[in-house]
Amino acid sequence: MHGKDSEGNETGDITGYLLRQELEVRSNDVDKIAKIAREATELINQGILLESMSPEYHYTKLGDLKIEMLGEAAADAKVRAQKIAASTGAALAAFVRPGWASFRSPRLTPTMFPARA
């Protein structure tokens, strides 16, 4: 960056340096990404002008997790139904047709992934 004279014209004097760079980091190591985000904040605290965005977390194995969770939910529902039936002296009927509720995942935030020591 160059200085300016009293009329606003640039002079040959160098008054500072300017670096612009966009950086995107992708990793499966959530702890490392959280650490990098904290270190960027430290640069800001040291007076280095830096624009830092909050990390975004994308869970890429949601399909597998949904199948596992739905299986566990079905097993839990069966156990609860058996207990209810047993407490009333009734028996469970055959399973005819499943009904599925929609499955939603929360937006992942850095606070869902605490830093490990």
Foldseek 3Di string as FASTA:
>chain_A
DFDADPVRHGDPHDDDDDDDDDDDDDDPPLLVVVVVLVVVVVCVVVVNDDDGDFDFDDDDPVVVVVVVVVVVVVVVVVVVVQVVCVVVVHHDDDDDDDDDDDDDDDGDHSVVPDHDD
